[in-house]
Amino acid sequence: MKHLLLAASTLAALSIAPLQSAELGTAYCFGTNCPCGNNDASAGCVNTSGVGAYLTATGSTSVSSGDLAFRATHLPTSSLSLLVISANQRNIPFDDGRLCVGPYMHRLRSHLNGGQAGEVVFDNLYTIYATYGVVLNAGETWNAQVWYRDSSHQGVCGGRANLTNAYTVTLTP
């Protein structure tokens, strides 16, 4: 009986444990060497929310699934933002942050407002980019970053905009 109770409690614990998902790609270009010392080593350069904005990916890298999305958090409230992607990487100062994608960037034409939560999700990427002639294919590696306005155009360094960290994904069939 004792073994049966132990087995039942172990199974119950396993069934409520959250599943760990693998990362879809790699976050990079964190807020170091920021324009006015507004460093945040765990996200983009610090913005007027007091921390740097963070970009991650959700869904899958499968082109046939079409569910890849990018999520930016810790944006200033009600900031407008847009997603930029490039097959290339760089790391240069740009407004109050560091621009880490490009050259040859493609921007998602949709501007999203982070609202009071300071969070945006860019989804339906394959369809939207295809509308503008950018086809994302399996086997390609793309780098993404969110560029956003910072607090009524008066960021922490006096610039009008900032960026999240960057995120790279390799697409699969």
N, C-alpha and C. Protein backbone atom coordinates (compact mmCIF):
# COMPACT_ATOMS: atom_id res chain seq x y z
N MET A 1 0.82 -1.20 0.00
CA MET A 1 0.00 0.00 0.00
C MET A 1 0.87 1.26 0.00
N LYS A 2 1.96 1.21 0.80
CA LYS A 2 2.86 2.34 0.88
C LYS A 2 3.46 2.66 -0.50
N HIS A 3 3.85 1.63 -1.26
CA HIS A 3 4.42 1.83 -2.59
C HIS A 3 3.38 2.38 -3.57
N LEU A 4 2.14 1.94 -3.41
CA LEU A 4 1.07 2.40 -4.28
C LEU A 4 0.79 3.89 -4.05
N LEU A 5 0.80 4.33 -2.80
CA LEU A 5 0.61 5.74 -2.49
C LEU A 5 1.77 6.58 -3.00
N LEU A 6 2.99 6.07 -2.85
CA LEU A 6 4.16 6.79 -3.34
C LEU A 6 4.10 6.93 -4.86
N ALA A 7 3.74 5.86 -5.55
CA ALA A 7 3.62 5.90 -7.02
C ALA A 7 2.53 6.88 -7.44
N ALA A 8 1.41 6.88 -6.75
CA ALA A 8 0.31 7.79 -7.08
C ALA A 8 0.73 9.24 -6.87
N SER A 9 1.43 9.52 -5.78
CA SER A 9 1.84 10.90 -5.52
C SER A 9 2.91 11.34 -6.52
N THR A 10 3.78 10.43 -6.94
CA THR A 10 4.78 10.76 -7.95
C THR A 10 4.12 11.07 -9.28
N LEU A 11 3.14 10.26 -9.68
CA LEU A 11 2.41 10.51 -10.92
C LEU A 11 1.66 11.83 -10.87
N ALA A 12 1.08 12.13 -9.74
CA ALA A 12 0.35 13.38 -9.60
C ALA A 12 1.30 14.57 -9.72
N ALA A 13 2.48 14.45 -9.13
CA ALA A 13 3.46 15.53 -9.22
C ALA A 13 3.92 15.72 -10.66
N LEU A 14 4.13 14.62 -11.36
CA LEU A 14 4.55 14.71 -12.75
C LEU A 14 3.48 15.33 -13.63
N SER A 15 2.23 15.05 -13.35
CA SER A 15 1.18 15.55 -14.21
C SER A 15 0.93 17.05 -14.05
N ILE A 16 1.34 17.63 -12.94
CA ILE A 16 1.13 19.07 -12.76
C ILE A 16 2.41 19.87 -12.99
N ALA A 17 3.53 19.17 -13.20
CA ALA A 17 4.77 19.90 -13.45
C ALA A 17 4.70 20.56 -14.83
N PRO A 18 5.10 21.81 -14.93
CA PRO A 18 5.06 22.47 -16.22
C PRO A 18 6.07 21.86 -17.19
N LEU A 19 5.70 21.78 -18.44
CA LEU A 19 6.61 21.29 -19.46
C LEU A 19 7.58 22.40 -19.83
N GLN A 20 8.84 22.05 -19.96
CA GLN A 20 9.84 23.02 -20.37
C GLN A 20 9.96 23.01 -21.88
N SER A 21 9.86 24.14 -22.53
CA SER A 21 9.99 24.19 -23.98
C SER A 21 11.39 24.65 -24.36
N ALA A 22 11.87 24.14 -25.45
CA ALA A 22 13.18 24.53 -25.94
C ALA A 22 13.08 25.92 -26.57
N GLU A 23 14.16 26.65 -26.51
CA GLU A 23 14.20 27.96 -27.15
C GLU A 23 14.10 27.78 -28.66
N LEU A 24 13.44 28.70 -29.33
CA LEU A 24 13.29 28.63 -30.78
C LEU A 24 14.53 29.15 -31.50
N GLY A 25 15.27 29.96 -30.83
CA GLY A 25 16.46 30.57 -31.43
C GLY A 25 17.34 31.09 -30.31
N THR A 26 18.02 32.19 -30.58
CA THR A 26 18.96 32.72 -29.60
C THR A 26 18.79 34.23 -29.48
N ALA A 27 18.63 34.66 -28.24
CA ALA A 27 18.62 36.10 -27.95
C ALA A 27 20.07 36.57 -27.94
N TYR A 28 20.32 37.75 -28.48
CA TYR A 28 21.67 38.31 -28.49
C TYR A 28 21.59 39.84 -28.50
N CYS A 29 22.72 40.46 -28.49
CA CYS A 29 22.83 41.93 -28.54
C CYS A 29 22.10 42.58 -27.36
N PHE A 30 22.58 42.25 -26.19
CA PHE A 30 21.99 42.81 -24.98
C PHE A 30 22.55 44.21 -24.73
N GLY A 31 21.92 44.93 -23.83
CA GLY A 31 22.25 46.33 -23.59
C GLY A 31 23.57 46.56 -22.90
N THR A 32 24.65 46.40 -23.63
CA THR A 32 25.98 46.77 -23.13
C THR A 32 26.55 47.80 -24.09
N ASN A 33 27.37 48.69 -23.58
CA ASN A 33 27.91 49.80 -24.37
C ASN A 33 26.79 50.65 -24.96
N CYS A 34 25.77 50.90 -24.17
CA CYS A 34 24.64 51.71 -24.63
C CYS A 34 25.05 53.18 -24.74
N PRO A 35 24.32 53.97 -25.53
CA PRO A 35 24.72 55.34 -25.85
C PRO A 35 25.02 56.27 -24.67
N CYS A 36 24.27 56.17 -23.59
CA CYS A 36 24.56 57.08 -22.47
C CYS A 36 24.74 56.31 -21.16
N GLY A 37 25.27 55.10 -21.26
CA GLY A 37 25.48 54.29 -20.06
C GLY A 37 24.21 53.65 -19.56
N ASN A 38 23.16 53.63 -20.37
CA ASN A 38 21.86 53.04 -19.98
C ASN A 38 21.86 51.53 -20.25
N ASN A 39 22.85 50.86 -19.66
CA ASN A 39 23.07 49.43 -19.90
C ASN A 39 22.08 48.54 -19.15
N ASP A 40 21.69 47.45 -19.77
CA ASP A 40 20.90 46.38 -19.16
C ASP A 40 21.38 45.08 -19.80
N ALA A 41 22.21 44.35 -19.11
CA ALA A 41 22.85 43.16 -19.67
C ALA A 41 21.88 42.01 -19.91
N SER A 42 20.60 42.16 -19.54
CA SER A 42 19.64 41.07 -19.73
C SER A 42 18.56 41.39 -20.76
N ALA A 43 18.64 42.56 -21.41
CA ALA A 43 17.63 42.98 -22.39
C ALA A 43 18.28 44.02 -23.30
N GLY A 44 17.47 44.86 -23.94
CA GLY A 44 18.02 45.98 -24.71
C GLY A 44 18.48 47.07 -23.75
N CYS A 45 18.93 48.20 -24.27
CA CYS A 45 19.35 49.32 -23.42
C CYS A 45 18.16 49.84 -22.62
N VAL A 46 18.43 50.33 -21.42
CA VAL A 46 17.38 50.81 -20.52
C VAL A 46 16.56 51.91 -21.19
N ASN A 47 15.25 51.82 -21.03
CA ASN A 47 14.34 52.84 -21.55
C ASN A 47 13.69 53.56 -20.38
N THR A 48 12.71 54.40 -20.62
CA THR A 48 12.10 55.18 -19.55
C THR A 48 11.23 54.36 -18.62
N SER A 49 11.04 53.06 -18.89
CA SER A 49 10.33 52.21 -17.92
C SER A 49 11.28 51.80 -16.79
N GLY A 50 12.57 52.07 -16.96
CA GLY A 50 13.56 51.75 -15.93
C GLY A 50 14.35 50.48 -16.21
N VAL A 51 13.97 49.72 -17.23
CA VAL A 51 14.69 48.51 -17.64
C VAL A 51 14.74 48.48 -19.16
N GLY A 52 15.50 47.56 -19.69
CA GLY A 52 15.54 47.39 -21.14
C GLY A 52 14.38 46.53 -21.60
N ALA A 53 13.96 46.72 -22.84
CA ALA A 53 12.88 45.90 -23.43
C ALA A 53 13.48 44.57 -23.89
N TYR A 54 12.70 43.50 -23.75
CA TYR A 54 13.19 42.15 -24.03
C TYR A 54 12.38 41.50 -25.15
N LEU A 55 13.08 40.90 -26.12
CA LEU A 55 12.44 40.23 -27.25
C LEU A 55 12.67 38.74 -27.17
N THR A 56 11.62 37.98 -27.39
CA THR A 56 11.70 36.53 -27.45
C THR A 56 10.78 36.05 -28.56
N ALA A 57 10.89 34.76 -28.90
CA ALA A 57 10.06 34.18 -29.95
C ALA A 57 9.15 33.11 -29.34
N THR A 58 7.97 32.97 -29.93
CA THR A 58 7.03 31.92 -29.50
C THR A 58 6.52 31.21 -30.75
N GLY A 59 5.81 30.11 -30.55
CA GLY A 59 5.31 29.32 -31.66
C GLY A 59 6.36 28.30 -32.05
N SER A 60 6.65 28.22 -33.35
CA SER A 60 7.68 27.29 -33.83
C SER A 60 8.42 27.94 -34.99
N THR A 61 9.52 27.32 -35.37
CA THR A 61 10.30 27.82 -36.50
C THR A 61 9.83 27.19 -37.82
N SER A 62 8.80 26.37 -37.77
CA SER A 62 8.30 25.68 -38.95
C SER A 62 7.53 26.62 -39.87
N VAL A 63 8.01 26.74 -41.12
CA VAL A 63 7.35 27.58 -42.10
C VAL A 63 5.95 27.04 -42.40
N SER A 64 5.81 25.72 -42.47
CA SER A 64 4.50 25.14 -42.78
C SER A 64 3.50 25.37 -41.65
N SER A 65 3.97 25.46 -40.42
CA SER A 65 3.06 25.76 -39.30
C SER A 65 2.64 27.22 -39.33
N GLY A 66 3.54 28.08 -39.71
CA GLY A 66 3.23 29.50 -39.83
C GLY A 66 2.88 30.18 -38.53
N ASP A 67 3.38 29.66 -37.40
CA ASP A 67 2.98 30.22 -36.12
C ASP A 67 4.09 30.95 -35.36
N LEU A 68 5.17 31.27 -36.04
CA LEU A 68 6.25 32.02 -35.40
C LEU A 68 5.75 33.42 -35.05
N ALA A 69 6.04 33.84 -33.84
CA ALA A 69 5.67 35.19 -33.38
C ALA A 69 6.81 35.75 -32.54
N PHE A 70 6.95 37.05 -32.52
CA PHE A 70 7.93 37.71 -31.67
C PHE A 70 7.19 38.54 -30.64
N ARG A 71 7.65 38.45 -29.39
CA ARG A 71 7.01 39.12 -28.26
C ARG A 71 8.02 40.04 -27.59
N ALA A 72 7.67 41.32 -27.50
CA ALA A 72 8.52 42.29 -26.81
C ALA A 72 7.84 42.71 -25.52
N THR A 73 8.58 42.70 -24.44
CA THR A 73 8.07 43.09 -23.12
C THR A 73 8.96 44.21 -22.55
N HIS A 74 8.47 44.83 -21.50
CA HIS A 74 9.16 45.92 -20.79
C HIS A 74 9.36 47.15 -21.67
N LEU A 75 8.39 47.37 -22.56
CA LEU A 75 8.39 48.60 -23.35
C LEU A 75 7.80 49.73 -22.49
N PRO A 76 8.13 50.98 -22.79
CA PRO A 76 7.45 52.07 -22.10
C PRO A 76 5.94 51.99 -22.40
N THR A 77 5.12 52.43 -21.49
CA THR A 77 3.67 52.35 -21.71
C THR A 77 3.27 53.15 -22.94
N SER A 78 2.33 52.59 -23.67
CA SER A 78 1.74 53.21 -24.86
C SER A 78 2.75 53.61 -25.93
N SER A 79 3.83 52.87 -26.03
CA SER A 79 4.82 53.18 -27.06
C SER A 79 4.48 52.46 -28.36
N LEU A 80 4.67 53.14 -29.48
CA LEU A 80 4.50 52.53 -30.78
C LEU A 80 5.77 51.76 -31.12
N SER A 81 5.60 50.59 -31.72
CA SER A 81 6.76 49.78 -32.03
C SER A 81 6.57 49.06 -33.35
N LEU A 82 7.69 48.68 -33.96
CA LEU A 82 7.63 47.90 -35.18
C LEU A 82 8.75 46.86 -35.17
N LEU A 83 8.51 45.78 -35.88
CA LEU A 83 9.47 44.68 -35.96
C LEU A 83 10.31 44.86 -37.21
N VAL A 84 11.62 44.74 -37.06
CA VAL A 84 12.53 44.76 -38.20
C VAL A 84 13.28 43.43 -38.23
N ILE A 85 13.49 42.91 -39.44
CA ILE A 85 14.23 41.66 -39.60
C ILE A 85 15.30 41.84 -40.67
N SER A 86 16.33 41.01 -40.59
CA SER A 86 17.39 41.02 -41.58
C SER A 86 18.09 39.67 -41.53
N ALA A 87 18.66 39.28 -42.64
CA ALA A 87 19.50 38.08 -42.67
C ALA A 87 20.87 38.39 -42.06
N ASN A 88 21.13 39.65 -41.81
CA ASN A 88 22.45 40.09 -41.33
C ASN A 88 22.39 40.60 -39.89
N GLN A 89 23.56 40.63 -39.27
CA GLN A 89 23.69 41.17 -37.92
C GLN A 89 24.71 42.30 -37.92
N ARG A 90 24.52 43.22 -37.00
CA ARG A 90 25.49 44.28 -36.73
C ARG A 90 25.26 44.73 -35.30
N ASN A 91 26.02 45.67 -34.82
CA ASN A 91 25.86 46.17 -33.46
C ASN A 91 26.39 47.60 -33.44
N ILE A 92 25.46 48.57 -33.66
CA ILE A 92 25.85 49.98 -33.74
C ILE A 92 24.91 50.81 -32.87
N PRO A 93 25.40 51.95 -32.33
CA PRO A 93 24.51 52.84 -31.58
C PRO A 93 23.41 53.37 -32.48
N PHE A 94 22.22 53.49 -31.89
CA PHE A 94 21.07 53.99 -32.65
C PHE A 94 20.08 54.59 -31.67
N ASP A 95 19.84 55.89 -31.73
CA ASP A 95 19.02 56.60 -30.75
C ASP A 95 19.48 56.23 -29.35
N ASP A 96 18.58 55.72 -28.49
CA ASP A 96 18.97 55.38 -27.11
C ASP A 96 19.37 53.92 -26.95
N GLY A 97 19.54 53.20 -28.05
CA GLY A 97 19.84 51.77 -27.96
C GLY A 97 20.93 51.35 -28.92
N ARG A 98 20.91 50.05 -29.26
CA ARG A 98 21.86 49.44 -30.18
C ARG A 98 21.09 48.73 -31.27
N LEU A 99 21.40 49.06 -32.52
CA LEU A 99 20.77 48.42 -33.66
C LEU A 99 21.60 47.19 -34.03
N CYS A 100 20.97 46.03 -33.98
CA CYS A 100 21.71 44.77 -34.11
C CYS A 100 21.29 43.93 -35.30
N VAL A 101 20.37 44.41 -36.11
CA VAL A 101 19.98 43.71 -37.34
C VAL A 101 20.32 44.60 -38.52
N GLY A 102 20.61 43.98 -39.64
CA GLY A 102 20.93 44.72 -40.84
C GLY A 102 22.41 44.65 -41.13
N PRO A 103 22.84 45.24 -42.21
CA PRO A 103 22.04 46.05 -43.10
C PRO A 103 21.05 45.21 -43.91
N TYR A 104 20.33 45.89 -44.77
CA TYR A 104 19.28 45.28 -45.58
C TYR A 104 18.15 44.76 -44.71
N MET A 105 17.50 45.67 -44.01
CA MET A 105 16.41 45.32 -43.11
C MET A 105 15.08 45.36 -43.84
N HIS A 106 14.14 44.56 -43.32
CA HIS A 106 12.75 44.60 -43.75
C HIS A 106 11.95 44.92 -42.50
N ARG A 107 11.11 45.91 -42.58
CA ARG A 107 10.31 46.23 -41.40
C ARG A 107 8.88 45.77 -41.63
N LEU A 108 8.28 45.29 -40.57
CA LEU A 108 6.88 44.91 -40.61
C LEU A 108 6.09 46.20 -40.64
N ARG A 109 5.23 46.37 -41.59
CA ARG A 109 4.53 47.63 -41.79
C ARG A 109 3.52 47.94 -40.69
N SER A 110 3.19 46.97 -39.88
CA SER A 110 2.24 47.19 -38.79
C SER A 110 2.94 47.79 -37.58
N HIS A 111 2.45 48.90 -37.11
CA HIS A 111 2.94 49.50 -35.88
C HIS A 111 2.00 49.07 -34.76
N LEU A 112 2.55 48.56 -33.69
CA LEU A 112 1.71 48.14 -32.57
C LEU A 112 1.95 49.05 -31.37
N ASN A 113 0.92 49.23 -30.57
CA ASN A 113 0.99 50.04 -29.37
C ASN A 113 1.07 49.10 -28.17
N GLY A 114 2.08 49.30 -27.32
CA GLY A 114 2.29 48.45 -26.16
C GLY A 114 1.29 48.65 -25.03
N GLY A 115 0.47 49.68 -25.12
CA GLY A 115 -0.54 49.92 -24.09
C GLY A 115 0.05 50.06 -22.71
N GLN A 116 -0.80 49.92 -21.70
CA GLN A 116 -0.36 50.07 -20.31
C GLN A 116 0.55 48.93 -19.87
N ALA A 117 0.44 47.77 -20.53
CA ALA A 117 1.27 46.62 -20.16
C ALA A 117 2.69 46.74 -20.70
N GLY A 118 2.91 47.58 -21.72
CA GLY A 118 4.23 47.71 -22.31
C GLY A 118 4.68 46.44 -23.00
N GLU A 119 3.75 45.81 -23.73
CA GLU A 119 4.03 44.52 -24.37
C GLU A 119 3.35 44.45 -25.73
N VAL A 120 4.06 43.90 -26.72
CA VAL A 120 3.48 43.69 -28.05
C VAL A 120 3.84 42.30 -28.55
N VAL A 121 2.97 41.77 -29.41
CA VAL A 121 3.23 40.49 -30.06
C VAL A 121 3.04 40.69 -31.56
N PHE A 122 4.07 40.36 -32.31
CA PHE A 122 4.01 40.39 -33.77
C PHE A 122 3.82 38.96 -34.25
N ASP A 123 2.63 38.67 -34.79
CA ASP A 123 2.35 37.32 -35.27
C ASP A 123 1.89 37.37 -36.72
N ASN A 124 1.53 36.23 -37.27
CA ASN A 124 1.12 36.12 -38.67
C ASN A 124 2.20 36.67 -39.61
N LEU A 125 3.46 36.43 -39.22
CA LEU A 125 4.59 37.04 -39.91
C LEU A 125 4.75 36.61 -41.35
N TYR A 126 4.58 35.32 -41.63
CA TYR A 126 4.81 34.83 -42.99
C TYR A 126 3.87 35.50 -43.99
N THR A 127 2.62 35.62 -43.64
CA THR A 127 1.63 36.23 -44.52
C THR A 127 1.89 37.72 -44.69
N ILE A 128 2.17 38.40 -43.60
CA ILE A 128 2.37 39.85 -43.66
C ILE A 128 3.63 40.18 -44.46
N TYR A 129 4.73 39.50 -44.18
CA TYR A 129 5.95 39.80 -44.93
C TYR A 129 5.79 39.46 -46.40
N ALA A 130 5.10 38.35 -46.72
CA ALA A 130 4.89 37.98 -48.13
C ALA A 130 4.11 39.05 -48.87
N THR A 131 3.20 39.72 -48.19
CA THR A 131 2.43 40.82 -48.78
C THR A 131 3.36 41.92 -49.30
N TYR A 132 4.49 42.09 -48.65
CA TYR A 132 5.44 43.13 -49.04
C TYR A 132 6.62 42.56 -49.83
N GLY A 133 6.47 41.33 -50.33
CA GLY A 133 7.49 40.74 -51.18
C GLY A 133 8.64 40.08 -50.47
N VAL A 134 8.55 39.89 -49.16
CA VAL A 134 9.61 39.23 -48.41
C VAL A 134 9.13 37.81 -48.09
N VAL A 135 9.76 36.83 -48.70
CA VAL A 135 9.38 35.44 -48.48
C VAL A 135 10.39 34.82 -47.52
N LEU A 136 9.87 34.25 -46.44
CA LEU A 136 10.71 33.58 -45.45
C LEU A 136 10.69 32.09 -45.74
N ASN A 137 11.86 31.51 -46.02
CA ASN A 137 11.95 30.12 -46.44
C ASN A 137 12.67 29.25 -45.41
N ALA A 138 12.33 27.96 -45.41
CA ALA A 138 13.00 26.99 -44.55
C ALA A 138 14.49 26.99 -44.89
N GLY A 139 15.31 26.87 -43.87
CA GLY A 139 16.76 26.86 -44.03
C GLY A 139 17.40 28.23 -43.87
N GLU A 140 16.60 29.29 -43.94
CA GLU A 140 17.14 30.64 -43.79
C GLU A 140 17.22 31.01 -42.30
N THR A 141 18.21 31.83 -41.98
CA THR A 141 18.34 32.37 -40.63
C THR A 141 18.00 33.85 -40.69
N TRP A 142 17.09 34.27 -39.82
CA TRP A 142 16.65 35.65 -39.76
C TRP A 142 16.91 36.22 -38.37
N ASN A 143 17.24 37.49 -38.32
CA ASN A 143 17.47 38.22 -37.08
C ASN A 143 16.36 39.24 -36.93
N ALA A 144 15.82 39.34 -35.73
CA ALA A 144 14.69 40.25 -35.49
C ALA A 144 15.01 41.17 -34.32
N GLN A 145 14.40 42.35 -34.36
CA GLN A 145 14.53 43.32 -33.28
C GLN A 145 13.31 44.24 -33.33
N VAL A 146 12.87 44.72 -32.18
CA VAL A 146 11.76 45.66 -32.13
C VAL A 146 12.31 47.06 -31.85
N TRP A 147 11.90 47.98 -32.70
CA TRP A 147 12.28 49.39 -32.62
C TRP A 147 11.04 50.12 -32.11
N TYR A 148 11.19 50.93 -31.07
CA TYR A 148 10.02 51.56 -30.46
C TYR A 148 10.30 52.99 -30.03
N ARG A 149 9.22 53.77 -29.99
CA ARG A 149 9.30 55.13 -29.47
C ARG A 149 9.37 55.06 -27.95
N ASP A 150 10.07 56.04 -27.38
CA ASP A 150 10.23 56.02 -25.93
C ASP A 150 9.69 57.31 -25.32
N SER A 151 8.61 57.17 -24.59
CA SER A 151 8.00 58.24 -23.78
C SER A 151 7.94 59.60 -24.44
N SER A 152 7.01 59.71 -25.35
CA SER A 152 6.76 61.00 -26.01
C SER A 152 8.02 61.61 -26.61
N HIS A 153 8.86 60.76 -27.16
CA HIS A 153 10.06 61.20 -27.88
C HIS A 153 11.12 61.80 -26.97
N GLN A 154 11.14 61.45 -25.70
CA GLN A 154 12.17 61.96 -24.80
C GLN A 154 12.75 60.78 -24.03
N GLY A 155 13.54 59.96 -24.69
CA GLY A 155 14.11 58.78 -24.06
C GLY A 155 15.13 59.12 -23.00
N VAL A 156 15.71 58.12 -22.39
CA VAL A 156 16.64 58.32 -21.29
C VAL A 156 17.91 59.05 -21.71
N CYS A 157 18.29 58.97 -22.98
CA CYS A 157 19.49 59.65 -23.46
C CYS A 157 19.15 60.90 -24.29
N GLY A 158 17.88 61.22 -24.36
CA GLY A 158 17.46 62.35 -25.16
C GLY A 158 17.07 61.97 -26.58
N GLY A 159 17.21 60.69 -26.92
CA GLY A 159 16.80 60.23 -28.23
C GLY A 159 15.30 60.01 -28.27
N ARG A 160 14.78 59.70 -29.41
CA ARG A 160 13.33 59.51 -29.54
C ARG A 160 12.91 58.06 -29.58
N ALA A 161 13.88 57.15 -29.66
CA ALA A 161 13.53 55.74 -29.82
C ALA A 161 14.56 54.86 -29.14
N ASN A 162 14.22 53.59 -29.04
CA ASN A 162 15.12 52.60 -28.44
C ASN A 162 14.81 51.27 -29.11
N LEU A 163 15.57 50.25 -28.75
CA LEU A 163 15.39 48.92 -29.35
C LEU A 163 15.47 47.84 -28.28
N THR A 164 14.83 46.72 -28.55
CA THR A 164 14.96 45.54 -27.70
C THR A 164 16.33 44.91 -27.96
N ASN A 165 16.62 43.83 -27.25
CA ASN A 165 17.72 42.96 -27.66
C ASN A 165 17.31 42.39 -29.02
N ALA A 166 18.18 41.67 -29.67
CA ALA A 166 17.84 41.03 -30.94
C ALA A 166 17.65 39.53 -30.71
N TYR A 167 17.03 38.88 -31.70
CA TYR A 167 16.74 37.44 -31.59
C TYR A 167 16.93 36.80 -32.96
N THR A 168 17.65 35.69 -33.01
CA THR A 168 17.90 35.01 -34.28
C THR A 168 17.20 33.65 -34.31
N VAL A 169 16.59 33.32 -35.45
CA VAL A 169 15.93 32.03 -35.63
C VAL A 169 16.33 31.45 -36.99
N THR A 170 16.45 30.14 -37.05
CA THR A 170 16.65 29.44 -38.31
C THR A 170 15.37 28.71 -38.61
N LEU A 171 14.79 28.98 -39.77
CA LEU A 171 13.50 28.42 -40.13
C LEU A 171 13.62 26.97 -40.62
N THR A 172 12.63 26.19 -40.30
CA THR A 172 12.58 24.78 -40.68
C THR A 172 11.36 24.55 -41.58
N PRO A 173 11.34 23.40 -42.29
CA PRO A 173 10.17 23.12 -43.14
C PRO A 173 8.91 23.03 -42.33
